[in-house]
Amino acid sequence: MEDLEFARRMRSLTSITLLDPPVETSPRRFNNLGSVRTSLLNNLIEGVSQYIVCRSFLFRC
């Protein structure tokens, strides 16, 4: 839901620009670790980064 809110706010500030050529991503991590491990790793990274931001800037978690 945060992505949708972000997109709505950005749309009110500027127009969407399509990249040419399109951006491509590599499936290397999914191929090496598998989808479950990759998802767990991504969630761990997100959780740690949110904790750091909360401790560093907000001081109230």
C-alpha atoms as a PDB file:
ATOM      1  CA  MET A   1       0.000   0.000   0.000  1.00  0.00           C
ATOM      2  CA  GLU A   2       2.931   2.334   0.601  1.00  0.00           C
ATOM      3  CA  ASP A   3       3.990   1.955  -3.025  1.00  0.00           C
ATOM      4  CA  LEU A   4       0.545   2.948  -4.211  1.00  0.00           C
ATOM      5  CA  GLU A   5       0.531   6.026  -1.976  1.00  0.00           C
ATOM      6  CA  PHE A   6       4.022   6.943  -3.169  1.00  0.00           C
ATOM      7  CA  ALA A   7       2.954   6.614  -6.808  1.00  0.00           C
ATOM      8  CA  ARG A   8      -0.097   8.789  -6.233  1.00  0.00           C
ATOM      9  CA  ARG A   9       1.980  11.521  -4.618  1.00  0.00           C
ATOM     10  CA  MET A  10       4.608  11.404  -7.335  1.00  0.00           C
ATOM     11  CA  ARG A  11       1.942  11.592 -10.037  1.00  0.00           C
ATOM     12  CA  SER A  12       0.705  14.849  -8.541  1.00  0.00           C
ATOM     13  CA  LEU A  13       4.252  16.285  -8.744  1.00  0.00           C
ATOM     14  CA  THR A  14       5.438  15.094 -12.138  1.00  0.00           C
ATOM     15  CA  SER A  15       4.566  12.903 -15.102  1.00  0.00           C
ATOM     16  CA  ILE A  16       5.655   9.296 -15.538  1.00  0.00           C
ATOM     17  CA  THR A  17       8.607   8.747 -17.867  1.00  0.00           C
ATOM     18  CA  LEU A  18       9.174   5.435 -19.585  1.00  0.00           C
ATOM     19  CA  LEU A  19      12.777   4.357 -19.955  1.00  0.00           C
ATOM     20  CA  ASP A  20      14.058   3.265 -23.320  1.00  0.00           C
ATOM     21  CA  PRO A  21      15.470   0.640 -23.236  1.00  0.00           C
ATOM     22  CA  PRO A  22      13.554  -0.823 -20.287  1.00  0.00           C
ATOM     23  CA  VAL A  23      15.377  -1.624 -17.054  1.00  0.00           C
ATOM     24  CA  GLU A  24      16.224  -5.288 -16.693  1.00  0.00           C
ATOM     25  CA  THR A  25      16.920  -7.110 -13.458  1.00  0.00           C
ATOM     26  CA  SER A  26      18.928 -10.237 -12.891  1.00  0.00           C
ATOM     27  CA  PRO A  27      17.350 -13.385 -11.398  1.00  0.00           C
ATOM     28  CA  ARG A  28      20.797 -14.395 -10.068  1.00  0.00           C
ATOM     29  CA  ARG A  29      19.872 -14.228  -6.374  1.00  0.00           C
ATOM     30  CA  PHE A  30      16.652 -16.198  -6.912  1.00  0.00           C
ATOM     31  CA  ASN A  31      18.546 -18.800  -8.928  1.00  0.00           C
ATOM     32  CA  ASN A  32      21.317 -19.117  -6.325  1.00  0.00           C
ATOM     33  CA  LEU A  33      19.272 -19.016  -3.110  1.00  0.00           C
ATOM     34  CA  GLY A  34      15.799 -20.037  -4.220  1.00  0.00           C
ATOM     35  CA  SER A  35      12.638 -18.008  -3.869  1.00  0.00           C
ATOM     36  CA  VAL A  36      11.966 -18.746  -0.178  1.00  0.00           C
ATOM     37  CA  ARG A  37      15.468 -17.864   1.022  1.00  0.00           C
ATOM     38  CA  THR A  38      15.556 -14.769  -1.183  1.00  0.00           C
ATOM     39  CA  SER A  39      12.214 -13.573   0.202  1.00  0.00           C
ATOM     40  CA  LEU A  40      13.395 -14.175   3.775  1.00  0.00           C
ATOM     41  CA  LEU A  41      16.644 -12.319   3.091  1.00  0.00           C
ATOM     42  CA  ASN A  42      14.776  -9.367   1.556  1.00  0.00           C
ATOM     43  CA  ASN A  43      12.430  -9.206   4.555  1.00  0.00           C
ATOM     44  CA  LEU A  44      15.371  -9.366   6.957  1.00  0.00           C
ATOM     45  CA  ILE A  45      17.145  -6.521   5.144  1.00  0.00           C
ATOM     46  CA  GLU A  46      13.959  -4.441   5.150  1.00  0.00           C
ATOM     47  CA  GLY A  47      13.349  -5.071   8.848  1.00  0.00           C
ATOM     48  CA  VAL A  48      16.900  -4.165   9.838  1.00  0.00           C
ATOM     49  CA  SER A  49      16.842  -0.995   7.741  1.00  0.00           C
ATOM     50  CA  GLN A  50      13.511   0.074   9.266  1.00  0.00           C
ATOM     51  CA  TYR A  51      14.930  -0.538  12.750  1.00  0.00           C
ATOM     52  CA  ILE A  52      18.011   1.555  11.983  1.00  0.00           C
ATOM     53  CA  VAL A  53      15.930   4.418  10.577  1.00  0.00           C
ATOM     54  CA  CYS A  54      13.603   4.270  13.549  1.00  0.00           C
ATOM     55  CA  ARG A  55      16.458   4.327  16.068  1.00  0.00           C
ATOM     56  CA  SER A  56      18.468   6.954  14.223  1.00  0.00           C
ATOM     57  CA  PHE A  57      15.833   9.481  13.254  1.00  0.00           C
ATOM     58  CA  LEU A  58      12.588   8.898  15.077  1.00  0.00           C
ATOM     59  CA  PHE A  59      13.828   7.920  18.553  1.00  0.00           C
ATOM     60  CA  ARG A  60      10.447   6.354  19.309  1.00  0.00           C
ATOM     61  CA  CYS A  61       9.718   2.847  18.126  1.00  0.00           C
END
